[in-house]
Amino acid sequence: MVQIRNTEGLPPARINDELQKGAKFVVFSYTISVIVITSRRTSDIYFIKADEASSKYSWKYSLLTLFFGWWGIPFGPIFSLVSFYKNFTGGKDVTREVLNHINARFSES
């Protein structure tokens, strides 16, 4: 089950206010390799406030990739570089998908 991190204790009104200021929901990429098996995965969803740097959360996924991503042949190095690029450019913005999911669940109620 995917969790949304960094929203603990924030009421929905505050989350909406932060989104209006430029906050976003992002996921980070990481790669794990074992000889001929390489897997590229994404983190839980993180709520990044408008005044926060995403690197505060992405570094651990880049470090995981650095130690465990390169070793798969042939895709380990390729997927590792993709993971680094995504993480160093702020992660993948999934704000629209999260809001669509929330709105769909709200309309079902």
PDB file of N, CA and C in Angstrom:
ATOM      1  N   MET A   1       0.845  -1.189   0.000  1.00  0.00           N
ATOM      2  CA  MET A   1       0.000   0.000   0.000  1.00  0.00           C
ATOM      3  C   MET A   1       0.887   1.249   0.000  1.00  0.00           C
ATOM      4  N   VAL A   2       0.616   2.143  -0.903  1.00  0.00           N
ATOM      5  CA  VAL A   2       1.389   3.370  -1.008  1.00  0.00           C
ATOM      6  C   VAL A   2       0.898   4.365   0.038  1.00  0.00           C
ATOM      7  N   GLN A   3       1.847   4.949   0.734  1.00  0.00           N
ATOM      8  CA  GLN A   3       1.525   5.950   1.746  1.00  0.00           C
ATOM      9  C   GLN A   3       1.888   7.340   1.232  1.00  0.00           C
ATOM     10  N   ILE A   4       1.229   8.335   1.796  1.00  0.00           N
ATOM     11  CA  ILE A   4       1.616   9.711   1.520  1.00  0.00           C
ATOM     12  C   ILE A   4       2.346  10.204   2.754  1.00  0.00           C
ATOM     13  N   ARG A   5       3.611  10.488   2.590  1.00  0.00           N
ATOM     14  CA  ARG A   5       4.460  10.917   3.702  1.00  0.00           C
ATOM     15  C   ARG A   5       4.528  12.442   3.754  1.00  0.00           C
ATOM     16  N   ASN A   6       4.834  12.932   4.944  1.00  0.00           N
ATOM     17  CA  ASN A   6       5.039  14.356   5.191  1.00  0.00           C
ATOM     18  C   ASN A   6       3.723  15.131   5.269  1.00  0.00           C
ATOM     19  N   THR A   7       2.614  14.433   5.484  1.00  0.00           N
ATOM     20  CA  THR A   7       1.331  15.116   5.684  1.00  0.00           C
ATOM     21  C   THR A   7       0.817  14.907   7.104  1.00  0.00           C
ATOM     22  N   GLU A   8       1.600  14.216   7.930  1.00  0.00           N
ATOM     23  CA  GLU A   8       1.172  13.917   9.286  1.00  0.00           C
ATOM     24  C   GLU A   8       0.859  15.199  10.052  1.00  0.00           C
ATOM     25  N   GLY A   9      -0.323  15.247  10.619  1.00  0.00           N
ATOM     26  CA  GLY A   9      -0.731  16.393  11.424  1.00  0.00           C
ATOM     27  C   GLY A   9      -1.206  17.599  10.633  1.00  0.00           C
ATOM     28  N   LEU A  10      -1.210  17.520   9.313  1.00  0.00           N
ATOM     29  CA  LEU A  10      -1.677  18.640   8.502  1.00  0.00           C
ATOM     30  C   LEU A  10      -3.148  18.440   8.147  1.00  0.00           C
ATOM     31  N   PRO A  11      -3.983  19.390   8.519  1.00  0.00           N
ATOM     32  CA  PRO A  11      -5.391  19.278   8.121  1.00  0.00           C
ATOM     33  C   PRO A  11      -5.529  19.517   6.610  1.00  0.00           C
ATOM     34  N   PRO A  12      -6.597  18.995   6.001  1.00  0.00           N
ATOM     35  CA  PRO A  12      -6.787  19.174   4.551  1.00  0.00           C
ATOM     36  C   PRO A  12      -6.722  20.638   4.102  1.00  0.00           C
ATOM     37  N   ALA A  13      -7.225  21.548   4.908  1.00  0.00           N
ATOM     38  CA  ALA A  13      -7.191  22.973   4.533  1.00  0.00           C
ATOM     39  C   ALA A  13      -5.753  23.461   4.393  1.00  0.00           C
ATOM     40  N   ARG A  14      -4.872  23.015   5.275  1.00  0.00           N
ATOM     41  CA  ARG A  14      -3.467  23.429   5.213  1.00  0.00           C
ATOM     42  C   ARG A  14      -2.775  22.809   3.993  1.00  0.00           C
ATOM     43  N   ILE A  15      -3.107  21.556   3.683  1.00  0.00           N
ATOM     44  CA  ILE A  15      -2.541  20.905   2.498  1.00  0.00           C
ATOM     45  C   ILE A  15      -2.976  21.659   1.242  1.00  0.00           C
ATOM     46  N   ASN A  16      -4.259  22.010   1.170  1.00  0.00           N
ATOM     47  CA  ASN A  16      -4.757  22.776   0.013  1.00  0.00           C
ATOM     48  C   ASN A  16      -4.082  24.134  -0.089  1.00  0.00           C
ATOM     49  N   ASP A  17      -3.867  24.782   1.049  1.00  0.00           N
ATOM     50  CA  ASP A  17      -3.186  26.075   1.066  1.00  0.00           C
ATOM     51  C   ASP A  17      -1.758  25.927   0.541  1.00  0.00           C
ATOM     52  N   GLU A  18      -1.072  24.888   0.991  1.00  0.00           N
ATOM     53  CA  GLU A  18       0.297  24.635   0.519  1.00  0.00           C
ATOM     54  C   GLU A  18       0.318  24.344  -0.984  1.00  0.00           C
ATOM     55  N   LEU A  19      -0.678  23.579  -1.468  1.00  0.00           N
ATOM     56  CA  LEU A  19      -0.751  23.286  -2.901  1.00  0.00           C
ATOM     57  C   LEU A  19      -0.938  24.567  -3.710  1.00  0.00           C
ATOM     58  N   GLN A  20      -1.724  25.494  -3.202  1.00  0.00           N
ATOM     59  CA  GLN A  20      -1.914  26.777  -3.884  1.00  0.00           C
ATOM     60  C   GLN A  20      -0.618  27.578  -3.944  1.00  0.00           C
ATOM     61  N   LYS A  21       0.249  27.369  -2.948  1.00  0.00           N
ATOM     62  CA  LYS A  21       1.531  28.078  -2.904  1.00  0.00           C
ATOM     63  C   LYS A  21       2.608  27.405  -3.751  1.00  0.00           C
ATOM     64  N   GLY A  22       2.312  26.220  -4.287  1.00  0.00           N
ATOM     65  CA  GLY A  22       3.290  25.544  -5.134  1.00  0.00           C
ATOM     66  C   GLY A  22       3.778  24.209  -4.608  1.00  0.00           C
ATOM     67  N   ALA A  23       3.198  23.721  -3.522  1.00  0.00           N
ATOM     68  CA  ALA A  23       3.582  22.398  -3.015  1.00  0.00           C
ATOM     69  C   ALA A  23       3.176  21.340  -4.029  1.00  0.00           C
ATOM     70  N   LYS A  24       3.739  20.144  -3.872  1.00  0.00           N
ATOM     71  CA  LYS A  24       3.419  19.071  -4.809  1.00  0.00           C
ATOM     72  C   LYS A  24       3.600  17.718  -4.131  1.00  0.00           C
ATOM     73  N   PHE A  25       3.017  16.713  -4.753  1.00  0.00           N
ATOM     74  CA  PHE A  25       3.210  15.332  -4.350  1.00  0.00           C
ATOM     75  C   PHE A  25       4.182  14.716  -5.341  1.00  0.00           C
ATOM     76  N   VAL A  26       5.234  14.060  -4.844  1.00  0.00           N
ATOM     77  CA  VAL A  26       6.228  13.456  -5.728  1.00  0.00           C
ATOM     78  C   VAL A  26       6.582  12.046  -5.270  1.00  0.00           C
ATOM     79  N   VAL A  27       7.101  11.263  -6.211  1.00  0.00           N
ATOM     80  CA  VAL A  27       7.713   9.974  -5.892  1.00  0.00           C
ATOM     81  C   VAL A  27       9.151  10.013  -6.392  1.00  0.00           C
ATOM     82  N   PHE A  28      10.006   9.249  -5.734  1.00  0.00           N
ATOM     83  CA  PHE A  28      11.408   9.163  -6.108  1.00  0.00           C
ATOM     84  C   PHE A  28      11.692   7.766  -6.642  1.00  0.00           C
ATOM     85  N   SER A  29      12.676   7.674  -7.489  1.00  0.00           N
ATOM     86  CA  SER A  29      13.021   6.427  -8.150  1.00  0.00           C
ATOM     87  C   SER A  29      14.252   5.816  -7.490  1.00  0.00           C
ATOM     88  N   TYR A  30      14.292   4.485  -7.450  1.00  0.00           N
ATOM     89  CA  TYR A  30      15.498   3.791  -7.025  1.00  0.00           C
ATOM     90  C   TYR A  30      15.624   2.491  -7.795  1.00  0.00           C
ATOM     91  N   THR A  31      16.851   2.005  -7.890  1.00  0.00           N
ATOM     92  CA  THR A  31      17.153   0.796  -8.648  1.00  0.00           C
ATOM     93  C   THR A  31      17.874  -0.200  -7.750  1.00  0.00           C
ATOM     94  N   ILE A  32      17.452  -1.445  -7.847  1.00  0.00           N
ATOM     95  CA  ILE A  32      18.091  -2.553  -7.130  1.00  0.00           C
ATOM     96  C   ILE A  32      18.479  -3.598  -8.173  1.00  0.00           C
ATOM     97  N   SER A  33      19.719  -4.082  -8.117  1.00  0.00           N
ATOM     98  CA  SER A  33      20.184  -5.093  -9.069  1.00  0.00           C
ATOM     99  C   SER A  33      20.862  -6.249  -8.352  1.00  0.00           C
ATOM    100  N   VAL A  34      20.649  -7.443  -8.894  1.00  0.00           N
ATOM    101  CA  VAL A  34      21.356  -8.638  -8.448  1.00  0.00           C
ATOM    102  C   VAL A  34      21.757  -9.405  -9.714  1.00  0.00           C
ATOM    103  N   ILE A  35      22.971  -9.249 -10.123  1.00  0.00           N
ATOM    104  CA  ILE A  35      23.593  -9.870 -11.292  1.00  0.00           C
ATOM    105  C   ILE A  35      22.762  -9.673 -12.568  1.00  0.00           C
ATOM    106  N   VAL A  36      21.789 -10.540 -12.865  1.00  0.00           N
ATOM    107  CA  VAL A  36      21.028 -10.410 -14.106  1.00  0.00           C
ATOM    108  C   VAL A  36      19.609  -9.893 -13.885  1.00  0.00           C
ATOM    109  N   ILE A  37      19.256  -9.612 -12.652  1.00  0.00           N
ATOM    110  CA  ILE A  37      17.922  -9.106 -12.342  1.00  0.00           C
ATOM    111  C   ILE A  37      18.047  -7.663 -11.870  1.00  0.00           C
ATOM    112  N   THR A  38      17.364  -6.781 -12.556  1.00  0.00           N
ATOM    113  CA  THR A  38      17.362  -5.363 -12.193  1.00  0.00           C
ATOM    114  C   THR A  38      15.929  -4.893 -12.062  1.00  0.00           C
ATOM    115  N   SER A  39      15.664  -4.167 -10.996  1.00  0.00           N
ATOM    116  CA  SER A  39      14.323  -3.662 -10.745  1.00  0.00           C
ATOM    117  C   SER A  39      14.385  -2.172 -10.441  1.00  0.00           C
ATOM    118  N   ARG A  40      13.599  -1.413 -11.165  1.00  0.00           N
ATOM    119  CA  ARG A  40      13.485   0.026 -10.886  1.00  0.00           C
ATOM    120  C   ARG A  40      12.133   0.248 -10.226  1.00  0.00           C
ATOM    121  N   ARG A  41      12.127   0.889  -9.091  1.00  0.00           N
ATOM    122  CA  ARG A  41      10.914   1.081  -8.301  1.00  0.00           C
ATOM    123  C   ARG A  41      10.767   2.536  -7.894  1.00  0.00           C
ATOM    124  N   THR A  42       9.597   2.826  -7.326  1.00  0.00           N
ATOM    125  CA  THR A  42       9.372   4.179  -6.825  1.00  0.00           C
ATOM    126  C   THR A  42       9.075   4.137  -5.331  1.00  0.00           C
ATOM    127  N   SER A  43       9.363   5.238  -4.693  1.00  0.00           N
ATOM    128  CA  SER A  43       9.137   5.397  -3.258  1.00  0.00           C
ATOM    129  C   SER A  43       7.655   5.606  -2.975  1.00  0.00           C
ATOM    130  N   ASP A  44       7.336   5.713  -1.691  1.00  0.00           N
ATOM    131  CA  ASP A  44       6.019   6.194  -1.316  1.00  0.00           C
ATOM    132  C   ASP A  44       5.882   7.622  -1.844  1.00  0.00           C
ATOM    133  N   ILE A  45       4.695   8.145  -1.778  1.00  0.00           N
ATOM    134  CA  ILE A  45       4.443   9.525  -2.222  1.00  0.00           C
ATOM    135  C   ILE A  45       4.856  10.478  -1.106  1.00  0.00           C
ATOM    136  N   TYR A  46       5.564  11.520  -1.471  1.00  0.00           N
ATOM    137  CA  TYR A  46       5.978  12.545  -0.503  1.00  0.00           C
ATOM    138  C   TYR A  46       5.272  13.856  -0.827  1.00  0.00           C
ATOM    139  N   PHE A  47       4.807  14.520   0.212  1.00  0.00           N
ATOM    140  CA  PHE A  47       4.229  15.858   0.072  1.00  0.00           C
ATOM    141  C   PHE A  47       5.360  16.845   0.298  1.00  0.00           C
ATOM    142  N   ILE A  48       5.724  17.568  -0.744  1.00  0.00           N
ATOM    143  CA  ILE A  48       6.818  18.539  -0.681  1.00  0.00           C
ATOM    144  C   ILE A  48       6.203  19.933  -0.619  1.00  0.00           C
ATOM    145  N   LYS A  49       6.395  20.590   0.500  1.00  0.00           N
ATOM    146  CA  LYS A  49       5.851  21.943   0.666  1.00  0.00           C
ATOM    147  C   LYS A  49       6.564  22.914  -0.266  1.00  0.00           C
ATOM    148  N   ALA A  50       5.916  24.031  -0.505  1.00  0.00           N
ATOM    149  CA  ALA A  50       6.428  25.018  -1.464  1.00  0.00           C
ATOM    150  C   ALA A  50       7.816  25.527  -1.074  1.00  0.00           C
ATOM    151  N   ASP A  51       8.104  25.614   0.206  1.00  0.00           N
ATOM    152  CA  ASP A  51       9.391  26.157   0.650  1.00  0.00           C
ATOM    153  C   ASP A  51      10.411  25.070   0.981  1.00  0.00           C
ATOM    154  N   GLU A  52      10.136  23.826   0.601  1.00  0.00           N
ATOM    155  CA  GLU A  52      11.041  22.718   0.883  1.00  0.00           C
ATOM    156  C   GLU A  52      11.788  22.275  -0.368  1.00  0.00           C
ATOM    157  N   ALA A  53      12.967  21.735  -0.157  1.00  0.00           N
ATOM    158  CA  ALA A  53      13.730  21.134  -1.259  1.00  0.00           C
ATOM    159  C   ALA A  53      13.446  19.635  -1.276  1.00  0.00           C
ATOM    160  N   SER A  54      13.185  19.087  -2.440  1.00  0.00           N
ATOM    161  CA  SER A  54      12.892  17.654  -2.539  1.00  0.00           C
ATOM    162  C   SER A  54      14.113  16.806  -2.214  1.00  0.00           C
ATOM    163  N   SER A  55      15.306  17.376  -2.315  1.00  0.00           N
ATOM    164  CA  SER A  55      16.526  16.624  -2.009  1.00  0.00           C
ATOM    165  C   SER A  55      16.551  16.177  -0.553  1.00  0.00           C
ATOM    166  N   LYS A  56      15.794  16.838   0.282  1.00  0.00           N
ATOM    167  CA  LYS A  56      15.674  16.451   1.689  1.00  0.00           C
ATOM    168  C   LYS A  56      15.157  15.015   1.804  1.00  0.00           C
ATOM    169  N   TYR A  57      14.396  14.560   0.825  1.00  0.00           N
ATOM    170  CA  TYR A  57      13.802  13.229   0.836  1.00  0.00           C
ATOM    171  C   TYR A  57      14.405  12.298  -0.212  1.00  0.00           C
ATOM    172  N   SER A  58      14.937  12.834  -1.300  1.00  0.00           N
ATOM    173  CA  SER A  58      15.410  11.987  -2.405  1.00  0.00           C
ATOM    174  C   SER A  58      16.784  11.378  -2.168  1.00  0.00           C
ATOM    175  N   TRP A  59      17.591  11.948  -1.295  1.00  0.00           N
ATOM    176  CA  TRP A  59      18.973  11.493  -1.139  1.00  0.00           C
ATOM    177  C   TRP A  59      19.061  10.023  -0.747  1.00  0.00           C
ATOM    178  N   LYS A  60      18.143   9.542   0.098  1.00  0.00           N
ATOM    179  CA  LYS A  60      18.253   8.150   0.550  1.00  0.00           C
ATOM    180  C   LYS A  60      17.960   7.167  -0.592  1.00  0.00           C
ATOM    181  N   TYR A  61      17.095   7.552  -1.536  1.00  0.00           N
ATOM    182  CA  TYR A  61      16.808   6.686  -2.678  1.00  0.00           C
ATOM    183  C   TYR A  61      17.965   6.709  -3.674  1.00  0.00           C
ATOM    184  N   SER A  62      18.619   7.847  -3.794  1.00  0.00           N
ATOM    185  CA  SER A  62      19.809   7.926  -4.651  1.00  0.00           C
ATOM    186  C   SER A  62      20.953   7.134  -4.039  1.00  0.00           C
ATOM    187  N   LEU A  63      21.090   7.185  -2.734  1.00  0.00           N
ATOM    188  CA  LEU A  63      22.131   6.418  -2.052  1.00  0.00           C
ATOM    189  C   LEU A  63      21.871   4.916  -2.182  1.00  0.00           C
ATOM    190  N   LEU A  64      20.641   4.506  -2.062  1.00  0.00           N
ATOM    191  CA  LEU A  64      20.267   3.105  -2.255  1.00  0.00           C
ATOM    192  C   LEU A  64      20.633   2.650  -3.668  1.00  0.00           C
ATOM    193  N   THR A  65      20.344   3.480  -4.648  1.00  0.00           N
ATOM    194  CA  THR A  65      20.693   3.179  -6.036  1.00  0.00           C
ATOM    195  C   THR A  65      22.204   3.111  -6.224  1.00  0.00           C
ATOM    196  N   LEU A  66      22.927   4.025  -5.599  1.00  0.00           N
ATOM    197  CA  LEU A  66      24.378   4.051  -5.717  1.00  0.00           C
ATOM    198  C   LEU A  66      24.996   2.732  -5.254  1.00  0.00           C
ATOM    199  N   PHE A  67      24.496   2.193  -4.144  1.00  0.00           N
ATOM    200  CA  PHE A  67      25.074   0.969  -3.596  1.00  0.00           C
ATOM    201  C   PHE A  67      24.531  -0.311  -4.225  1.00  0.00           C
ATOM    202  N   PHE A  68      23.265  -0.315  -4.644  1.00  0.00           N
ATOM    203  CA  PHE A  68      22.649  -1.561  -5.082  1.00  0.00           C
ATOM    204  C   PHE A  68      22.122  -1.559  -6.515  1.00  0.00           C
ATOM    205  N   GLY A  69      22.237  -0.459  -7.226  1.00  0.00           N
ATOM    206  CA  GLY A  69      21.629  -0.375  -8.544  1.00  0.00           C
ATOM    207  C   GLY A  69      22.495  -0.765  -9.717  1.00  0.00           C
ATOM    208  N   TRP A  70      23.784  -0.599  -9.611  1.00  0.00           N
ATOM    209  CA  TRP A  70      24.687  -0.723 -10.752  1.00  0.00           C
ATOM    210  C   TRP A  70      24.993  -2.144 -11.177  1.00  0.00           C
ATOM    211  N   TRP A  71      24.735  -3.111 -10.344  1.00  0.00           N
ATOM    212  CA  TRP A  71      25.341  -4.435 -10.500  1.00  0.00           C
ATOM    213  C   TRP A  71      24.641  -5.345 -11.505  1.00  0.00           C
ATOM    214  N   GLY A  72      23.480  -5.009 -11.969  1.00  0.00           N
ATOM    215  CA  GLY A  72      22.772  -5.857 -12.927  1.00  0.00           C
ATOM    216  C   GLY A  72      23.244  -5.629 -14.354  1.00  0.00           C
ATOM    217  N   ILE A  73      23.398  -6.691 -15.083  1.00  0.00           N
ATOM    218  CA  ILE A  73      23.834  -6.612 -16.473  1.00  0.00           C
ATOM    219  C   ILE A  73      22.639  -6.965 -17.357  1.00  0.00           C
ATOM    220  N   PRO A  74      22.264  -6.193 -18.325  1.00  0.00           N
ATOM    221  CA  PRO A  74      22.828  -4.939 -18.810  1.00  0.00           C
ATOM    222  C   PRO A  74      22.113  -3.694 -18.282  1.00  0.00           C
ATOM    223  N   PHE A  75      20.975  -3.870 -17.599  1.00  0.00           N
ATOM    224  CA  PHE A  75      20.139  -2.713 -17.297  1.00  0.00           C
ATOM    225  C   PHE A  75      20.471  -1.971 -16.004  1.00  0.00           C
ATOM    226  N   GLY A  76      21.271  -2.542 -15.127  1.00  0.00           N
ATOM    227  CA  GLY A  76      21.610  -1.890 -13.862  1.00  0.00           C
ATOM    228  C   GLY A  76      22.144  -0.478 -14.033  1.00  0.00           C
ATOM    229  N   PRO A  77      23.208  -0.299 -14.839  1.00  0.00           N
ATOM    230  CA  PRO A  77      23.739   1.058 -15.021  1.00  0.00           C
ATOM    231  C   PRO A  77      22.739   2.009 -15.685  1.00  0.00           C
ATOM    232  N   ILE A  78      21.989   1.499 -16.652  1.00  0.00           N
ATOM    233  CA  ILE A  78      21.027   2.347 -17.366  1.00  0.00           C
ATOM    234  C   ILE A  78      19.922   2.814 -16.419  1.00  0.00           C
ATOM    235  N   PHE A  79      19.300   1.878 -15.709  1.00  0.00           N
ATOM    236  CA  PHE A  79      18.218   2.232 -14.779  1.00  0.00           C
ATOM    237  C   PHE A  79      18.733   3.097 -13.633  1.00  0.00           C
ATOM    238  N   SER A  80      19.979   2.856 -13.204  1.00  0.00           N
ATOM    239  CA  SER A  80      20.555   3.671 -12.126  1.00  0.00           C
ATOM    240  C   SER A  80      20.683   5.126 -12.558  1.00  0.00           C
ATOM    241  N   LEU A  81      21.170   5.341 -13.780  1.00  0.00           N
ATOM    242  CA  LEU A  81      21.296   6.712 -14.280  1.00  0.00           C
ATOM    243  C   LEU A  81      19.929   7.389 -14.392  1.00  0.00           C
ATOM    244  N   VAL A  82      18.923   6.639 -14.830  1.00  0.00           N
ATOM    245  CA  VAL A  82      17.568   7.192 -14.910  1.00  0.00           C
ATOM    246  C   VAL A  82      17.068   7.567 -13.513  1.00  0.00           C
ATOM    247  N   SER A  83      17.302   6.697 -12.530  1.00  0.00           N
ATOM    248  CA  SER A  83      16.881   6.994 -11.156  1.00  0.00           C
ATOM    249  C   SER A  83      17.574   8.243 -10.629  1.00  0.00           C
ATOM    250  N   PHE A  84      18.901   8.341 -10.834  1.00  0.00           N
ATOM    251  CA  PHE A  84      19.630   9.530 -10.389  1.00  0.00           C
ATOM    252  C   PHE A  84      19.069  10.784 -11.036  1.00  0.00           C
ATOM    253  N   TYR A  85      18.835  10.736 -12.333  1.00  0.00           N
ATOM    254  CA  TYR A  85      18.325  11.901 -13.045  1.00  0.00           C
ATOM    255  C   TYR A  85      16.974  12.337 -12.470  1.00  0.00           C
ATOM    256  N   LYS A  86      16.065  11.373 -12.304  1.00  0.00           N
ATOM    257  CA  LYS A  86      14.741  11.717 -11.770  1.00  0.00           C
ATOM    258  C   LYS A  86      14.841  12.321 -10.376  1.00  0.00           C
ATOM    259  N   ASN A  87      15.671  11.732  -9.528  1.00  0.00           N
ATOM    260  CA  ASN A  87      15.793  12.226  -8.155  1.00  0.00           C
ATOM    261  C   ASN A  87      16.455  13.598  -8.093  1.00  0.00           C
ATOM    262  N   PHE A  88      17.493  13.800  -8.890  1.00  0.00           N
ATOM    263  CA  PHE A  88      18.199  15.080  -8.851  1.00  0.00           C
ATOM    264  C   PHE A  88      17.430  16.201  -9.536  1.00  0.00           C
ATOM    265  N   THR A  89      16.403  15.867 -10.302  1.00  0.00           N
ATOM    266  CA  THR A  89      15.560  16.902 -10.910  1.00  0.00           C
ATOM    267  C   THR A  89      14.248  17.079 -10.139  1.00  0.00           C
ATOM    268  N   GLY A  90      14.200  16.570  -8.914  1.00  0.00           N
ATOM    269  CA  GLY A  90      13.051  16.840  -8.045  1.00  0.00           C
ATOM    270  C   GLY A  90      12.057  15.708  -7.893  1.00  0.00           C
ATOM    271  N   GLY A  91      12.304  14.563  -8.496  1.00  0.00           N
ATOM    272  CA  GLY A  91      11.363  13.450  -8.411  1.00  0.00           C
ATOM    273  C   GLY A  91      10.264  13.591  -9.453  1.00  0.00           C
ATOM    274  N   LYS A  92       9.413  12.583  -9.524  1.00  0.00           N
ATOM    275  CA  LYS A  92       8.304  12.626 -10.475  1.00  0.00           C
ATOM    276  C   LYS A  92       7.098  13.253  -9.793  1.00  0.00           C
ATOM    277  N   ASP A  93       6.579  14.313 -10.368  1.00  0.00           N
ATOM    278  CA  ASP A  93       5.416  15.016  -9.829  1.00  0.00           C
ATOM    279  C   ASP A  93       4.154  14.192 -10.096  1.00  0.00           C
ATOM    280  N   VAL A  94       3.490  13.754  -9.026  1.00  0.00           N
ATOM    281  CA  VAL A  94       2.261  12.963  -9.157  1.00  0.00           C
ATOM    282  C   VAL A  94       1.078  13.690  -8.511  1.00  0.00           C
ATOM    283  N   THR A  95       1.176  15.006  -8.412  1.00  0.00           N
ATOM    284  CA  THR A  95       0.133  15.799  -7.757  1.00  0.00           C
ATOM    285  C   THR A  95      -1.223  15.596  -8.422  1.00  0.00           C
ATOM    286  N   ARG A  96      -1.270  15.659  -9.729  1.00  0.00           N
ATOM    287  CA  ARG A  96      -2.542  15.505 -10.443  1.00  0.00           C
ATOM    288  C   ARG A  96      -3.172  14.141 -10.151  1.00  0.00           C
ATOM    289  N   GLU A  97      -2.362  13.079 -10.189  1.00  0.00           N
ATOM    290  CA  GLU A  97      -2.880  11.733  -9.942  1.00  0.00           C
ATOM    291  C   GLU A  97      -3.414  11.593  -8.514  1.00  0.00           C
ATOM    292  N   VAL A  98      -2.687  12.149  -7.552  1.00  0.00           N
ATOM    293  CA  VAL A  98      -3.125  12.078  -6.146  1.00  0.00           C
ATOM    294  C   VAL A  98      -4.435  12.820  -5.964  1.00  0.00           C
ATOM    295  N   LEU A  99      -4.537  14.029  -6.520  1.00  0.00           N
ATOM    296  CA  LEU A  99      -5.767  14.812  -6.379  1.00  0.00           C
ATOM    297  C   LEU A  99      -6.936  14.141  -7.094  1.00  0.00           C
ATOM    298  N   ASN A 100      -6.691  13.553  -8.264  1.00  0.00           N
ATOM    299  CA  ASN A 100      -7.754  12.821  -8.960  1.00  0.00           C
ATOM    300  C   ASN A 100      -8.242  11.649  -8.126  1.00  0.00           C
ATOM    301  N   HIS A 101      -7.318  10.940  -7.493  1.00  0.00           N
ATOM    302  CA  HIS A 101      -7.683   9.803  -6.651  1.00  0.00           C
ATOM    303  C   HIS A 101      -8.492  10.267  -5.435  1.00  0.00           C
ATOM    304  N   ILE A 102      -8.044  11.337  -4.807  1.00  0.00           N
ATOM    305  CA  ILE A 102      -8.760  11.872  -3.640  1.00  0.00           C
ATOM    306  C   ILE A 102     -10.155  12.333  -4.034  1.00  0.00           C
ATOM    307  N   ASN A 103     -10.259  13.054  -5.144  1.00  0.00           N
ATOM    308  CA  ASN A 103     -11.556  13.542  -5.593  1.00  0.00           C
ATOM    309  C   ASN A 103     -12.483  12.396  -5.961  1.00  0.00           C
ATOM    310  N   ALA A 104     -11.949  11.336  -6.584  1.00  0.00           N
ATOM    311  CA  ALA A 104     -12.779  10.177  -6.938  1.00  0.00           C
ATOM    312  C   ALA A 104     -13.302   9.478  -5.685  1.00  0.00           C
ATOM    313  N   ARG A 105     -12.442   9.357  -4.690  1.00  0.00           N
ATOM    314  CA  ARG A 105     -12.893   8.717  -3.438  1.00  0.00           C
ATOM    315  C   ARG A 105     -13.908   9.587  -2.718  1.00  0.00           C
ATOM    316  N   PHE A 106     -13.729  10.914  -2.788  1.00  0.00           N
ATOM    317  CA  PHE A 106     -14.638  11.828  -2.120  1.00  0.00           C
ATOM    318  C   PHE A 106     -16.013  11.791  -2.806  1.00  0.00           C
ATOM    319  N   SER A 107     -16.024  11.716  -4.129  1.00  0.00           N
ATOM    320  CA  SER A 107     -17.304  11.715  -4.860  1.00  0.00           C
ATOM    321  C   SER A 107     -18.067  10.404  -4.676  1.00  0.00           C
ATOM    322  N   GLU A 108     -17.350   9.321  -4.327  1.00  0.00           N
ATOM    323  CA  GLU A 108     -18.024   8.041  -4.061  1.00  0.00           C
ATOM    324  C   GLU A 108     -18.772   8.055  -2.730  1.00  0.00           C
ATOM    325  N   SER A 109     -18.323   8.907  -1.819  1.00  0.00           N
ATOM    326  CA  SER A 109     -18.933   8.944  -0.470  1.00  0.00           C
ATOM    327  C   SER A 109     -20.276   9.618  -0.449  1.00  0.00           C
TER     328      SER A 109
END
